[in-house]
Amino acid sequence: MRIIQITDTHLSPSKAHFNANWSPLAQWVADQKPDLVVHTGDLSIDGADIEDDLAFSAGLLNELPVKVLSLPGNHDIGHMPGSPQPVSATRIDRWRAVIGPDRWIHDMDGWRLVGLNSLILGNDSLEEEEQFDWLEDALAEAETRRIAIFAHKPLFVDAADEGETGYWSVRPAPRRKLLDLIEEYDVALHASGHLHRAWQGMHNNTSLVWAPASSFIVGDMERDMPGERILGAAIHTLADRAETEIVEINSLSRFVLDDVIEEVYPRARIAQAPETAA
């Protein structure tokens, strides 16, 4: 089973800065003939506030000649409490109405794929509590299937026991809960996006993958972190175990967010810290 993970497409009918990368990405996906595509969030430039951005992104995804499962990113449904666009019930409901579920289970060929809404992790909300209950049930009921988890945000940036990283990764308390569940149920793969970096590593017996964005890289305005600044996608081959190939797609234009941040995401400058940008 071959799954292509795409992420951080940042599409919009009104802010078309990165739209030129969609057509070559879509052609590359079609040429690969995968069994499934998983989009791990930030489909849109500003779907958190602009429904047309989500609808435009959904229309393009629906043109792919393969089933697509999508998860929300911070630019689709909002982010941390106190940020310029905090995640909210209204924003999640908009995602569900236009795109579909914000978390899901998909079983195929001896595997259980689990999609998480990572933007509610650490919010101390009823929605977060319900998702953790749902996740534990999903893992416990996998039976003999191997498990792969997909999410927008990575579990951590530098180390599993690191402290609060703000914008960049799952907050420490929910991260610990996730890591405990991953270990208990022998999860084979955790694949994410968000960082606009390509990286692979291991945590105990679990493969960790940050898929590269297809829209843009981030330059000096981003904190230093592991991984490569490339544009592309990830191919996950799931058989007895999970194997991942990160692919740099040379037909994608190497846009740099730093060059257009004032036009695309002016809130990032208002909020000061570069962590709010990507």
Protein backbone atom coordinates (compact mmCIF):
# COMPACT_ATOMS: atom_id res chain seq x y z
CA MET A 1 0.00 0.00 0.00
CA ARG A 2 1.42 3.36 -1.06
CA ILE A 3 0.17 6.54 0.55
CA ILE A 4 1.26 9.98 -0.59
CA GLN A 5 1.29 12.62 2.12
CA ILE A 6 1.02 16.21 0.93
CA THR A 7 0.89 19.13 3.30
CA ASP A 8 0.81 22.90 3.67
CA THR A 9 -0.44 23.77 0.19
CA HIS A 10 -1.62 27.25 1.34
CA LEU A 11 -4.13 27.80 -1.47
CA SER A 12 -6.51 30.72 -1.98
CA PRO A 13 -8.57 32.25 -4.81
CA SER A 14 -7.73 35.79 -3.62
CA LYS A 15 -4.14 35.43 -2.38
CA ALA A 16 -2.73 33.35 -5.20
CA HIS A 17 0.93 33.62 -4.15
CA PHE A 18 1.51 29.85 -4.00
CA ASN A 19 -1.24 28.53 -6.28
CA ALA A 20 1.25 27.96 -9.11
CA ASN A 21 2.62 24.98 -7.21
CA TRP A 22 -0.69 23.13 -7.17
CA SER A 23 -0.74 22.01 -10.80
CA PRO A 24 2.74 20.42 -10.80
CA LEU A 25 2.02 18.81 -7.43
CA ALA A 26 -1.28 17.39 -8.68
CA GLN A 27 0.40 16.05 -11.83
CA TRP A 28 3.15 14.43 -9.77
CA VAL A 29 0.57 12.78 -7.49
CA ALA A 30 -1.38 11.48 -10.50
CA ASP A 31 1.79 10.08 -12.05
CA GLN A 32 2.61 8.20 -8.82
CA LYS A 33 -0.75 6.34 -8.85
CA PRO A 34 -0.95 5.99 -5.04
CA ASP A 35 -3.61 4.04 -3.20
CA LEU A 36 -4.49 7.06 -1.07
CA VAL A 37 -3.52 10.69 -0.49
CA VAL A 38 -3.43 12.20 2.99
CA HIS A 39 -3.26 15.99 3.28
CA THR A 40 -1.95 16.94 6.72
CA GLY A 41 -3.27 20.45 6.90
CA ASP A 42 -2.96 24.10 5.96
CA LEU A 43 -4.84 23.38 2.80
CA SER A 44 -5.63 27.07 2.65
CA ILE A 45 -4.10 30.48 3.14
CA ASP A 46 -6.82 31.66 5.51
CA GLY A 47 -9.63 29.13 5.78
CA ALA A 48 -9.81 29.91 9.49
CA ASP A 49 -11.63 33.13 8.55
CA ILE A 50 -12.45 32.87 4.85
CA GLU A 51 -14.73 30.05 3.75
CA ASP A 52 -13.89 30.66 0.07
CA ASP A 53 -10.30 29.64 0.80
CA LEU A 54 -11.46 26.27 2.13
CA ALA A 55 -13.94 25.79 -0.73
CA PHE A 56 -11.29 26.65 -3.32
CA SER A 57 -8.85 24.17 -1.75
CA ALA A 58 -11.52 21.46 -1.55
CA GLY A 59 -12.32 21.91 -5.23
CA LEU A 60 -8.71 21.35 -6.23
CA LEU A 61 -8.32 18.31 -3.97
CA ASN A 62 -11.47 16.79 -5.43
CA GLU A 63 -9.89 16.89 -8.89
CA LEU A 64 -7.18 14.42 -7.89
CA PRO A 65 -7.77 10.95 -9.39
CA VAL A 66 -7.46 9.23 -6.01
CA LYS A 67 -9.20 9.24 -2.65
CA VAL A 68 -8.00 12.10 -0.39
CA LEU A 69 -8.29 12.29 3.39
CA SER A 70 -7.58 15.70 4.88
CA LEU A 71 -6.76 17.08 8.32
CA PRO A 72 -6.98 20.69 9.47
CA GLY A 73 -4.00 22.96 9.96
CA ASN A 74 -3.77 26.15 11.96
CA HIS A 75 -4.48 28.28 8.88
CA ASP A 76 -7.63 26.21 8.27
CA ILE A 77 -9.24 26.27 11.75
CA GLY A 78 -7.08 28.52 13.95
CA HIS A 79 -4.43 27.83 16.53
CA MET A 80 -3.51 28.36 20.18
CA PRO A 81 -5.57 30.36 22.69
CA GLY A 82 -4.35 33.94 22.67
CA SER A 83 -3.11 33.75 19.07
CA PRO A 84 -4.51 36.10 16.38
CA GLN A 85 -6.80 33.25 15.24
CA PRO A 86 -7.57 30.86 18.11
CA VAL A 87 -9.20 27.57 17.19
CA SER A 88 -12.93 27.72 17.86
CA ALA A 89 -16.11 25.70 17.44
CA THR A 90 -17.19 28.02 14.62
CA ARG A 91 -13.96 27.43 12.73
CA ILE A 92 -14.05 23.66 13.27
CA ASP A 93 -17.69 23.54 12.14
CA ARG A 94 -16.77 25.45 8.96
CA TRP A 95 -14.05 22.87 8.23
CA ARG A 96 -16.48 20.00 8.77
CA ALA A 97 -19.09 21.58 6.50
CA VAL A 98 -16.70 22.34 3.64
CA ILE A 99 -13.96 19.69 3.89
CA GLY A 100 -15.24 16.87 6.14
CA PRO A 101 -14.32 15.31 9.50
CA ASP A 102 -11.48 16.91 11.44
CA ARG A 103 -10.46 13.45 12.74
CA TRP A 104 -10.97 10.07 11.12
CA ILE A 105 -10.17 6.35 10.96
CA HIS A 106 -9.41 4.59 7.70
CA ASP A 107 -8.72 0.83 7.57
CA MET A 108 -7.05 -0.76 4.57
CA ASP A 109 -4.75 -3.69 3.80
CA GLY A 110 -3.95 -4.69 7.36
CA TRP A 111 -3.41 -1.12 8.55
CA ARG A 112 -5.44 1.34 10.60
CA LEU A 113 -4.79 4.97 9.61
CA VAL A 114 -5.80 7.50 12.24
CA GLY A 115 -6.13 11.22 11.50
CA LEU A 116 -5.92 13.61 14.46
CA ASN A 117 -6.95 17.23 14.88
CA SER A 118 -3.72 18.43 16.49
CA LEU A 119 -4.87 22.05 16.79
CA ILE A 120 -7.09 21.31 19.79
CA LEU A 121 -4.34 19.53 21.72
CA GLY A 122 -3.41 21.51 24.81
CA ASN A 123 -6.57 23.63 24.77
CA ASP A 124 -7.95 21.92 27.90
CA SER A 125 -11.32 21.74 26.18
CA LEU A 126 -14.10 19.18 26.11
CA GLU A 127 -13.31 18.67 22.42
CA GLU A 128 -9.73 17.73 23.31
CA GLU A 129 -10.88 15.31 26.01
CA GLU A 130 -13.37 13.68 23.63
CA GLN A 131 -10.68 13.28 20.98
CA PHE A 132 -8.33 11.54 23.42
CA ASP A 133 -11.14 9.12 24.40
CA TRP A 134 -11.89 8.52 20.72
CA LEU A 135 -8.18 7.98 19.96
CA GLU A 136 -7.70 5.42 22.71
CA ASP A 137 -10.74 3.51 21.45
CA ALA A 138 -9.43 3.69 17.87
CA LEU A 139 -6.07 2.27 18.90
CA ALA A 140 -7.49 -0.38 21.21
CA GLU A 141 -9.90 -1.62 18.53
CA ALA A 142 -7.27 -1.88 15.78
CA GLU A 143 -6.96 -5.61 16.60
CA THR A 144 -4.17 -7.08 14.47
CA ARG A 145 -3.84 -4.06 12.19
CA ARG A 146 -0.68 -1.99 12.28
CA ILE A 147 -1.27 1.68 13.08
CA ALA A 148 -0.19 4.93 11.43
CA ILE A 149 -1.16 8.33 12.84
CA PHE A 150 -1.35 11.50 10.75
CA ALA A 151 -1.59 15.03 12.15
CA HIS A 152 -0.70 18.61 11.23
CA LYS A 153 1.68 19.39 14.09
CA PRO A 154 4.71 17.27 15.00
CA LEU A 155 4.96 15.71 18.44
CA PHE A 156 8.15 17.63 19.18
CA VAL A 157 10.90 19.60 17.46
CA ASP A 158 14.18 18.72 19.17
CA ALA A 159 13.41 16.14 21.87
CA ALA A 160 10.46 14.18 23.24
CA ASP A 161 10.94 15.68 26.70
CA GLU A 162 11.35 19.29 25.56
CA GLY A 163 9.26 22.02 27.17
CA GLU A 164 6.75 24.38 25.62
CA THR A 165 7.61 25.24 22.00
CA GLY A 166 4.65 27.54 21.42
CA TYR A 167 3.61 27.50 17.80
CA TRP A 168 5.80 24.68 16.61
CA SER A 169 4.77 21.37 18.21
CA VAL A 170 2.27 19.63 20.49
CA ARG A 171 2.31 21.06 24.01
CA PRO A 172 4.09 19.02 26.73
CA ALA A 173 1.06 17.58 28.60
CA PRO A 174 -0.87 16.25 25.57
CA ARG A 175 2.44 15.20 23.98
CA ARG A 176 3.12 12.94 26.96
CA LYS A 177 -0.35 11.41 26.66
CA LEU A 178 0.14 10.82 22.94
CA LEU A 179 3.56 9.28 23.40
CA ASP A 180 2.21 6.95 26.09
CA LEU A 181 -0.60 5.80 23.78
CA ILE A 182 1.82 5.42 20.86
CA GLU A 183 4.04 3.19 22.95
CA GLU A 184 1.18 1.19 24.49
CA TYR A 185 -0.35 0.37 21.10
CA ASP A 186 2.93 -0.01 19.18
CA VAL A 187 2.12 2.72 16.65
CA ALA A 188 4.38 2.27 13.62
CA LEU A 189 4.28 5.78 12.15
CA HIS A 190 3.49 9.37 13.17
CA ALA A 191 3.50 11.67 10.13
CA SER A 192 2.98 15.42 10.27
CA GLY A 193 3.53 18.69 8.38
CA HIS A 194 3.42 22.29 9.64
CA LEU A 195 7.14 23.02 9.94
CA HIS A 196 7.87 23.44 6.23
CA ARG A 197 10.85 21.14 6.80
CA ALA A 198 11.55 17.57 5.69
CA TRP A 199 12.84 15.23 8.39
CA GLN A 200 12.73 11.59 9.49
CA GLY A 201 13.61 10.07 12.85
CA MET A 202 12.59 7.49 15.41
CA HIS A 203 11.09 7.58 18.88
CA ASN A 204 11.45 4.16 20.43
CA ASN A 205 9.89 1.88 17.77
CA THR A 206 7.86 4.58 16.04
CA SER A 207 8.93 6.23 12.80
CA LEU A 208 8.49 10.02 12.87
CA VAL A 209 8.13 11.93 9.60
CA TRP A 210 7.81 15.63 8.84
CA ALA A 211 6.64 15.87 5.25
CA PRO A 212 7.84 18.89 3.28
CA ALA A 213 5.37 21.58 2.30
CA SER A 214 4.49 22.07 -1.35
CA SER A 215 3.83 25.82 -1.12
CA PHE A 216 6.88 27.63 0.25
CA ILE A 217 9.94 27.40 2.43
CA VAL A 218 10.63 29.74 5.34
CA GLY A 219 13.91 31.61 5.56
CA ASP A 220 15.55 33.50 8.41
CA MET A 221 12.25 34.46 10.03
CA GLU A 222 11.91 30.84 11.23
CA ARG A 223 13.77 29.50 14.27
CA ASP A 224 16.54 27.02 13.62
CA MET A 225 15.35 23.41 13.72
CA PRO A 226 16.16 20.00 12.26
CA GLY A 227 15.33 19.00 8.71
CA GLU A 228 15.76 20.30 5.18
CA ARG A 229 14.13 23.29 3.54
CA ILE A 230 12.75 21.58 0.44
CA LEU A 231 9.40 21.47 -1.36
CA GLY A 232 7.80 18.12 -2.08
CA ALA A 233 5.85 15.29 -0.49
CA ALA A 234 6.29 12.00 1.36
CA ILE A 235 5.57 8.52 0.07
CA HIS A 236 4.69 6.01 2.80
CA THR A 237 4.85 2.34 1.86
CA LEU A 238 2.95 0.29 4.42
CA ALA A 239 3.53 -3.46 4.43
CA ASP A 240 4.93 -5.43 7.36
CA ARG A 241 6.37 -2.13 8.52
CA ALA A 242 6.26 1.51 7.47
CA GLU A 243 8.89 2.82 5.08
CA THR A 244 8.96 6.47 4.00
CA GLU A 245 10.61 8.24 1.10
CA ILE A 246 10.73 12.03 1.23
CA VAL A 247 10.65 13.38 -2.31
CA GLU A 248 11.82 16.82 -3.42
CA ILE A 249 9.63 17.75 -6.39
CA ASN A 250 11.78 19.83 -8.71
CA SER A 251 8.84 21.17 -10.71
CA LEU A 252 7.64 23.18 -7.69
CA SER A 253 8.66 26.83 -7.58
CA ARG A 254 10.83 27.61 -4.56
CA PHE A 255 8.75 30.40 -3.06
CA VAL A 256 10.07 31.92 0.20
CA LEU A 257 7.51 33.16 2.74
CA ASP A 258 9.83 35.87 4.05
CA ASP A 259 9.52 37.69 0.71
CA VAL A 260 5.73 38.06 0.88
CA ILE A 261 4.85 37.75 4.56
CA GLU A 262 3.44 41.28 4.78
CA GLU A 263 1.00 40.51 1.95
CA VAL A 264 0.03 36.97 2.88
CA TYR A 265 0.11 36.87 6.69
CA PRO A 266 0.29 40.41 8.10
CA ARG A 267 -0.99 39.09 11.46
CA ALA A 268 2.33 37.29 11.86
CA ARG A 269 4.15 40.62 12.06
CA ILE A 270 1.51 42.11 14.36
CA ALA A 271 1.97 39.19 16.74
CA GLN A 272 5.74 39.82 16.65
CA ALA A 273 7.25 36.37 17.23
CA PRO A 274 8.21 34.60 13.98
CA GLU A 275 6.71 31.41 15.41
CA THR A 276 3.28 32.60 14.24
CA ALA A 277 4.26 32.83 10.62
CA ALA A 278 4.53 29.50 8.87
